[in-house]
Amino acid sequence: MKKTEIYRKVEQVIANVAQSQEHGAPDLMSNLDIVDDLGFSSLAIVALVADLEDAFSINPFENDDVNMRNIKTVGDLCEVYANKLSQY
């Protein structure tokens, strides 16, 4: 899967979770902070990670090498999935 496809898929999942959490459909840019700019609560972040796991059939957070606390922006999250998928 190409990096641009991964980014699109991550952004689509973010948009879906934002709508389901009544945040509306945000205009996503890689530098947007998931909590501060998009207003995601801890519950929304849990839903986001679960939906991304379903979408990609991987969980990049299952090992200690990636920590969700280090993921701040949409771009950070996209990079985590792109890096993990590049290992397959």
C-alpha atoms as a PDB file:
ATOM      1  CA  MET A   1       0.000   0.000   0.000  1.00  0.00           C
ATOM      2  CA  LYS A   2       1.373   3.398  -0.975  1.00  0.00           C
ATOM      3  CA  LYS A   3       1.973   6.078   1.617  1.00  0.00           C
ATOM      4  CA  THR A   4      -0.636   8.367   0.056  1.00  0.00           C
ATOM      5  CA  GLU A   5      -3.221   5.580   0.279  1.00  0.00           C
ATOM      6  CA  ILE A   6      -2.366   5.025   3.935  1.00  0.00           C
ATOM      7  CA  TYR A   7      -2.723   8.740   4.660  1.00  0.00           C
ATOM      8  CA  ARG A   8      -6.099   8.855   2.887  1.00  0.00           C
ATOM      9  CA  LYS A   9      -7.345   5.847   4.795  1.00  0.00           C
ATOM     10  CA  VAL A  10      -6.179   7.209   8.170  1.00  0.00           C
ATOM     11  CA  GLU A  11      -7.776  10.567   7.395  1.00  0.00           C
ATOM     12  CA  GLN A  12     -11.037   8.872   6.406  1.00  0.00           C
ATOM     13  CA  VAL A  13     -11.144   6.948   9.687  1.00  0.00           C
ATOM     14  CA  ILE A  14     -10.409  10.156  11.611  1.00  0.00           C
ATOM     15  CA  ALA A  15     -13.250  11.918   9.791  1.00  0.00           C
ATOM     16  CA  ASN A  16     -15.634   9.037  10.516  1.00  0.00           C
ATOM     17  CA  VAL A  17     -14.771   9.022  14.218  1.00  0.00           C
ATOM     18  CA  ALA A  18     -15.068  12.822  14.375  1.00  0.00           C
ATOM     19  CA  GLN A  19     -18.562  12.624  12.875  1.00  0.00           C
ATOM     20  CA  SER A  20     -19.624   9.809  15.195  1.00  0.00           C
ATOM     21  CA  GLN A  21     -18.386  11.847  18.176  1.00  0.00           C
ATOM     22  CA  GLU A  22     -20.386  14.845  16.904  1.00  0.00           C
ATOM     23  CA  HIS A  23     -17.280  16.860  16.052  1.00  0.00           C
ATOM     24  CA  GLY A  24     -18.443  17.298  12.470  1.00  0.00           C
ATOM     25  CA  ALA A  25     -16.343  16.562   9.416  1.00  0.00           C
ATOM     26  CA  PRO A  26     -13.054  18.410   9.924  1.00  0.00           C
ATOM     27  CA  ASP A  27     -10.801  19.651   7.149  1.00  0.00           C
ATOM     28  CA  LEU A  28      -7.831  17.441   7.901  1.00  0.00           C
ATOM     29  CA  MET A  29      -4.268  18.585   7.577  1.00  0.00           C
ATOM     30  CA  SER A  30      -1.242  16.664   8.783  1.00  0.00           C
ATOM     31  CA  ASN A  31      -0.260  19.356  11.291  1.00  0.00           C
ATOM     32  CA  LEU A  32      -3.600  19.360  13.150  1.00  0.00           C
ATOM     33  CA  ASP A  33      -3.389  18.236  16.759  1.00  0.00           C
ATOM     34  CA  ILE A  34      -5.784  15.364  17.395  1.00  0.00           C
ATOM     35  CA  VAL A  35      -6.815  16.599  20.845  1.00  0.00           C
ATOM     36  CA  ASP A  36      -6.338  20.368  20.710  1.00  0.00           C
ATOM     37  CA  ASP A  37      -7.425  21.079  17.124  1.00  0.00           C
ATOM     38  CA  LEU A  38      -9.888  18.255  16.476  1.00  0.00           C
ATOM     39  CA  GLY A  39     -11.246  18.128  20.028  1.00  0.00           C
ATOM     40  CA  PHE A  40     -10.888  14.372  20.424  1.00  0.00           C
ATOM     41  CA  SER A  41     -11.516  13.117  23.951  1.00  0.00           C
ATOM     42  CA  SER A  42      -9.806  10.038  25.356  1.00  0.00           C
ATOM     43  CA  LEU A  43     -12.918   8.045  24.400  1.00  0.00           C
ATOM     44  CA  ALA A  44     -12.719   9.327  20.814  1.00  0.00           C
ATOM     45  CA  ILE A  45      -9.031   8.379  20.660  1.00  0.00           C
ATOM     46  CA  VAL A  46      -9.832   4.844  21.837  1.00  0.00           C
ATOM     47  CA  ALA A  47     -12.516   4.618  19.121  1.00  0.00           C
ATOM     48  CA  LEU A  48     -10.036   5.977  16.570  1.00  0.00           C
ATOM     49  CA  VAL A  49      -7.357   3.418  17.424  1.00  0.00           C
ATOM     50  CA  ALA A  50      -9.914   0.576  17.341  1.00  0.00           C
ATOM     51  CA  ASP A  51     -11.276   1.711  13.970  1.00  0.00           C
ATOM     52  CA  LEU A  52      -7.763   2.068  12.547  1.00  0.00           C
ATOM     53  CA  GLU A  53      -6.927  -1.427  13.745  1.00  0.00           C
ATOM     54  CA  ASP A  54     -10.010  -2.711  11.910  1.00  0.00           C
ATOM     55  CA  ALA A  55      -9.183  -0.706   8.774  1.00  0.00           C
ATOM     56  CA  PHE A  56      -5.568  -1.865   8.530  1.00  0.00           C
ATOM     57  CA  SER A  57      -5.718  -5.205  10.383  1.00  0.00           C
ATOM     58  CA  ILE A  58      -2.700  -4.158  12.430  1.00  0.00           C
ATOM     59  CA  ASN A  59      -2.079  -2.548  15.797  1.00  0.00           C
ATOM     60  CA  PRO A  60       1.163  -0.557  15.760  1.00  0.00           C
ATOM     61  CA  PHE A  61       0.754   0.117  19.490  1.00  0.00           C
ATOM     62  CA  GLU A  62       0.914  -3.541  20.558  1.00  0.00           C
ATOM     63  CA  ASN A  63       4.670  -3.317  21.148  1.00  0.00           C
ATOM     64  CA  ASP A  64       6.492  -0.805  23.270  1.00  0.00           C
ATOM     65  CA  ASP A  65       8.269   0.736  20.270  1.00  0.00           C
ATOM     66  CA  VAL A  66       5.280   3.054  19.562  1.00  0.00           C
ATOM     67  CA  ASN A  67       3.531   4.931  22.341  1.00  0.00           C
ATOM     68  CA  MET A  68       0.197   6.668  21.751  1.00  0.00           C
ATOM     69  CA  ARG A  69       1.330   9.496  24.035  1.00  0.00           C
ATOM     70  CA  ASN A  70       3.894  10.464  21.403  1.00  0.00           C
ATOM     71  CA  ILE A  71       1.225  10.819  18.717  1.00  0.00           C
ATOM     72  CA  LYS A  72       0.035  14.421  18.653  1.00  0.00           C
ATOM     73  CA  THR A  73      -0.961  15.259  15.090  1.00  0.00           C
ATOM     74  CA  VAL A  74      -2.805  13.685  12.192  1.00  0.00           C
ATOM     75  CA  GLY A  75       0.563  13.429  10.422  1.00  0.00           C
ATOM     76  CA  ASP A  76       2.123  11.613  13.382  1.00  0.00           C
ATOM     77  CA  LEU A  77      -0.642   9.039  13.291  1.00  0.00           C
ATOM     78  CA  CYS A  78      -0.322   8.595   9.527  1.00  0.00           C
ATOM     79  CA  GLU A  79       3.432   8.057   9.869  1.00  0.00           C
ATOM     80  CA  VAL A  80       2.970   5.388  12.545  1.00  0.00           C
ATOM     81  CA  TYR A  81       0.715   3.371  10.242  1.00  0.00           C
ATOM     82  CA  ALA A  82       2.892   3.973   7.173  1.00  0.00           C
ATOM     83  CA  ASN A  83       5.978   2.779   9.070  1.00  0.00           C
ATOM     84  CA  LYS A  84       4.224  -0.275  10.460  1.00  0.00           C
ATOM     85  CA  LEU A  85       2.745  -1.246   7.092  1.00  0.00           C
ATOM     86  CA  SER A  86       6.127  -0.851   5.401  1.00  0.00           C
ATOM     87  CA  GLN A  87       7.363  -3.739   7.553  1.00  0.00           C
ATOM     88  CA  TYR A  88       4.987  -6.144   5.803  1.00  0.00           C
END
